[in-house]
Amino acid sequence: MFNCPNCQSKDIGKIGINQYYCWNCYIELTVNNGLINTHQVEEDGSLSSLDDLFEEEERRYTL
């Protein structure tokens, strides 16, 4: 597993194929081609990207 790039928590739950949720800071994470994409879940259920808040190196995921 990996740490949340936002809060560094390991409290990550799997919600789908390559989709995860951080139970500490409540953001959704998807892993695609070794890169973690971060999203904030809005009140209407839509997702807003948070990727611009992190350097690509912070979002890199390797097994």
N, C-alpha and C. Protein backbone atom coordinates (compact mmCIF):
# COMPACT_ATOMS: atom_id res chain seq x y z
N MET A 1 0.86 -1.18 0.00
CA MET A 1 0.00 0.00 0.00
C MET A 1 0.90 1.24 0.00
N PHE A 2 0.30 2.38 -0.07
CA PHE A 2 1.04 3.63 -0.15
C PHE A 2 0.47 4.62 0.86
N ASN A 3 1.20 5.69 1.08
CA ASN A 3 0.74 6.77 1.94
C ASN A 3 -0.03 7.79 1.12
N CYS A 4 -0.96 8.46 1.74
CA CYS A 4 -1.70 9.54 1.09
C CYS A 4 -0.73 10.69 0.80
N PRO A 5 -0.69 11.18 -0.44
CA PRO A 5 0.22 12.29 -0.74
C PRO A 5 -0.19 13.59 -0.04
N ASN A 6 -1.43 13.68 0.40
CA ASN A 6 -1.91 14.90 1.05
C ASN A 6 -1.54 14.95 2.53
N CYS A 7 -1.87 13.88 3.27
CA CYS A 7 -1.67 13.90 4.72
C CYS A 7 -0.67 12.87 5.21
N GLN A 8 -0.13 12.04 4.32
CA GLN A 8 0.84 10.99 4.62
C GLN A 8 0.28 9.84 5.45
N SER A 9 -1.04 9.77 5.60
CA SER A 9 -1.67 8.70 6.35
C SER A 9 -1.59 7.39 5.58
N LYS A 10 -1.56 6.28 6.32
CA LYS A 10 -1.63 4.95 5.71
C LYS A 10 -3.04 4.39 5.80
N ASP A 11 -3.97 5.18 6.30
CA ASP A 11 -5.36 4.76 6.48
C ASP A 11 -6.11 4.90 5.16
N ILE A 12 -5.72 4.06 4.19
CA ILE A 12 -6.25 4.11 2.83
C ILE A 12 -7.13 2.89 2.61
N GLY A 13 -8.34 3.12 2.12
CA GLY A 13 -9.24 2.02 1.81
C GLY A 13 -9.45 1.89 0.32
N LYS A 14 -9.63 0.66 -0.14
CA LYS A 14 -9.86 0.42 -1.57
C LYS A 14 -11.36 0.51 -1.84
N ILE A 15 -11.74 1.30 -2.86
CA ILE A 15 -13.15 1.47 -3.19
C ILE A 15 -13.49 0.98 -4.59
N GLY A 16 -12.49 0.60 -5.35
CA GLY A 16 -12.71 0.10 -6.70
C GLY A 16 -11.39 -0.31 -7.31
N ILE A 17 -11.43 -0.67 -8.59
CA ILE A 17 -10.21 -1.04 -9.29
C ILE A 17 -9.35 0.21 -9.43
N ASN A 18 -8.16 0.18 -8.82
CA ASN A 18 -7.22 1.32 -8.82
C ASN A 18 -7.81 2.58 -8.20
N GLN A 19 -8.84 2.45 -7.37
CA GLN A 19 -9.46 3.59 -6.70
C GLN A 19 -9.39 3.39 -5.19
N TYR A 20 -8.98 4.44 -4.50
CA TYR A 20 -8.78 4.37 -3.06
C TYR A 20 -9.36 5.62 -2.40
N TYR A 21 -9.51 5.55 -1.08
CA TYR A 21 -10.06 6.67 -0.31
C TYR A 21 -9.23 6.83 0.95
N CYS A 22 -8.83 8.05 1.24
CA CYS A 22 -8.09 8.34 2.47
C CYS A 22 -9.10 8.67 3.57
N TRP A 23 -9.12 7.84 4.59
CA TRP A 23 -10.05 8.03 5.70
C TRP A 23 -9.58 9.10 6.68
N ASN A 24 -8.37 9.60 6.48
CA ASN A 24 -7.86 10.66 7.36
C ASN A 24 -8.21 12.05 6.84
N CYS A 25 -8.02 12.28 5.54
CA CYS A 25 -8.30 13.62 4.99
C CYS A 25 -9.43 13.62 3.96
N TYR A 26 -10.06 12.45 3.75
CA TYR A 26 -11.29 12.34 2.96
C TYR A 26 -11.13 12.73 1.49
N ILE A 27 -10.03 12.30 0.88
CA ILE A 27 -9.88 12.52 -0.56
C ILE A 27 -9.85 11.17 -1.27
N GLU A 28 -10.22 11.20 -2.53
CA GLU A 28 -10.21 10.00 -3.35
C GLU A 28 -8.92 9.97 -4.15
N LEU A 29 -8.35 8.77 -4.28
CA LEU A 29 -7.09 8.59 -4.97
C LEU A 29 -7.27 7.54 -6.06
N THR A 30 -6.72 7.78 -7.22
CA THR A 30 -6.68 6.77 -8.27
C THR A 30 -5.23 6.59 -8.69
N VAL A 31 -4.89 5.35 -9.01
CA VAL A 31 -3.53 5.05 -9.45
C VAL A 31 -3.59 4.66 -10.92
N ASN A 32 -2.82 5.37 -11.73
CA ASN A 32 -2.82 5.14 -13.17
C ASN A 32 -1.39 5.31 -13.68
N ASN A 33 -0.84 4.24 -14.27
CA ASN A 33 0.51 4.26 -14.82
C ASN A 33 1.56 4.73 -13.80
N GLY A 34 1.43 4.28 -12.54
CA GLY A 34 2.40 4.60 -11.51
C GLY A 34 2.28 5.99 -10.92
N LEU A 35 1.19 6.69 -11.24
CA LEU A 35 1.00 8.05 -10.74
C LEU A 35 -0.31 8.10 -9.94
N ILE A 36 -0.26 8.69 -8.75
CA ILE A 36 -1.44 8.82 -7.91
C ILE A 36 -2.13 10.14 -8.28
N ASN A 37 -3.40 10.04 -8.66
CA ASN A 37 -4.21 11.22 -8.93
C ASN A 37 -5.11 11.46 -7.72
N THR A 38 -5.17 12.70 -7.27
CA THR A 38 -5.92 13.03 -6.07
C THR A 38 -7.15 13.86 -6.44
N HIS A 39 -8.25 13.57 -5.74
CA HIS A 39 -9.51 14.27 -6.01
C HIS A 39 -10.24 14.57 -4.71
N GLN A 40 -10.84 15.72 -4.66
CA GLN A 40 -11.72 16.08 -3.56
C GLN A 40 -13.13 15.75 -3.98
N VAL A 41 -13.89 15.10 -3.09
CA VAL A 41 -15.28 14.78 -3.38
C VAL A 41 -16.12 16.00 -2.98
N GLU A 42 -16.84 16.56 -3.94
CA GLU A 42 -17.67 17.75 -3.70
C GLU A 42 -19.03 17.34 -3.12
N GLU A 43 -19.78 18.31 -2.62
CA GLU A 43 -21.08 18.05 -2.01
C GLU A 43 -22.04 17.35 -2.95
N ASP A 44 -21.96 17.65 -4.25
CA ASP A 44 -22.87 17.03 -5.22
C ASP A 44 -22.37 15.67 -5.71
N GLY A 45 -21.25 15.20 -5.15
CA GLY A 45 -20.70 13.90 -5.53
C GLY A 45 -19.68 13.95 -6.65
N SER A 46 -19.51 15.11 -7.27
CA SER A 46 -18.52 15.24 -8.33
C SER A 46 -17.12 15.30 -7.73
N LEU A 47 -16.12 15.10 -8.57
CA LEU A 47 -14.73 15.12 -8.12
C LEU A 47 -14.00 16.32 -8.69
N SER A 48 -13.20 16.97 -7.86
CA SER A 48 -12.34 18.07 -8.29
C SER A 48 -10.89 17.64 -8.10
N SER A 49 -10.09 17.81 -9.14
CA SER A 49 -8.69 17.39 -9.09
C SER A 49 -7.90 18.24 -8.11
N LEU A 50 -7.04 17.57 -7.36
CA LEU A 50 -6.11 18.24 -6.44
C LEU A 50 -4.67 18.05 -6.90
N ASP A 51 -4.48 17.48 -8.09
CA ASP A 51 -3.14 17.15 -8.58
C ASP A 51 -2.21 18.35 -8.67
N ASP A 52 -2.77 19.53 -8.91
CA ASP A 52 -1.92 20.71 -9.04
C ASP A 52 -1.30 21.14 -7.71
N LEU A 53 -1.73 20.54 -6.61
CA LEU A 53 -1.17 20.88 -5.30
C LEU A 53 0.11 20.10 -4.98
N PHE A 54 0.41 19.08 -5.80
CA PHE A 54 1.53 18.20 -5.52
C PHE A 54 2.48 18.13 -6.70
N GLU A 55 3.76 18.00 -6.40
CA GLU A 55 4.76 17.76 -7.43
C GLU A 55 4.57 16.34 -7.95
N GLU A 56 4.94 16.11 -9.20
CA GLU A 56 4.77 14.78 -9.77
C GLU A 56 5.53 13.73 -8.97
N GLU A 57 6.69 14.06 -8.46
CA GLU A 57 7.47 13.11 -7.67
C GLU A 57 6.73 12.69 -6.39
N GLU A 58 5.96 13.60 -5.79
CA GLU A 58 5.18 13.27 -4.60
C GLU A 58 4.04 12.31 -4.93
N ARG A 59 3.60 12.32 -6.16
CA ARG A 59 2.48 11.50 -6.60
C ARG A 59 2.90 10.18 -7.23
N ARG A 60 4.21 9.96 -7.36
CA ARG A 60 4.72 8.73 -7.98
C ARG A 60 4.51 7.55 -7.04
N TYR A 61 4.03 6.45 -7.59
CA TYR A 61 3.78 5.24 -6.80
C TYR A 61 4.53 4.08 -7.41
N THR A 62 5.35 3.43 -6.62
CA THR A 62 6.05 2.23 -7.07
C THR A 62 5.83 1.14 -6.07
N LEU A 63 5.72 -0.09 -6.55
CA LEU A 63 5.51 -1.24 -5.65
C LEU A 63 6.77 -1.60 -4.91
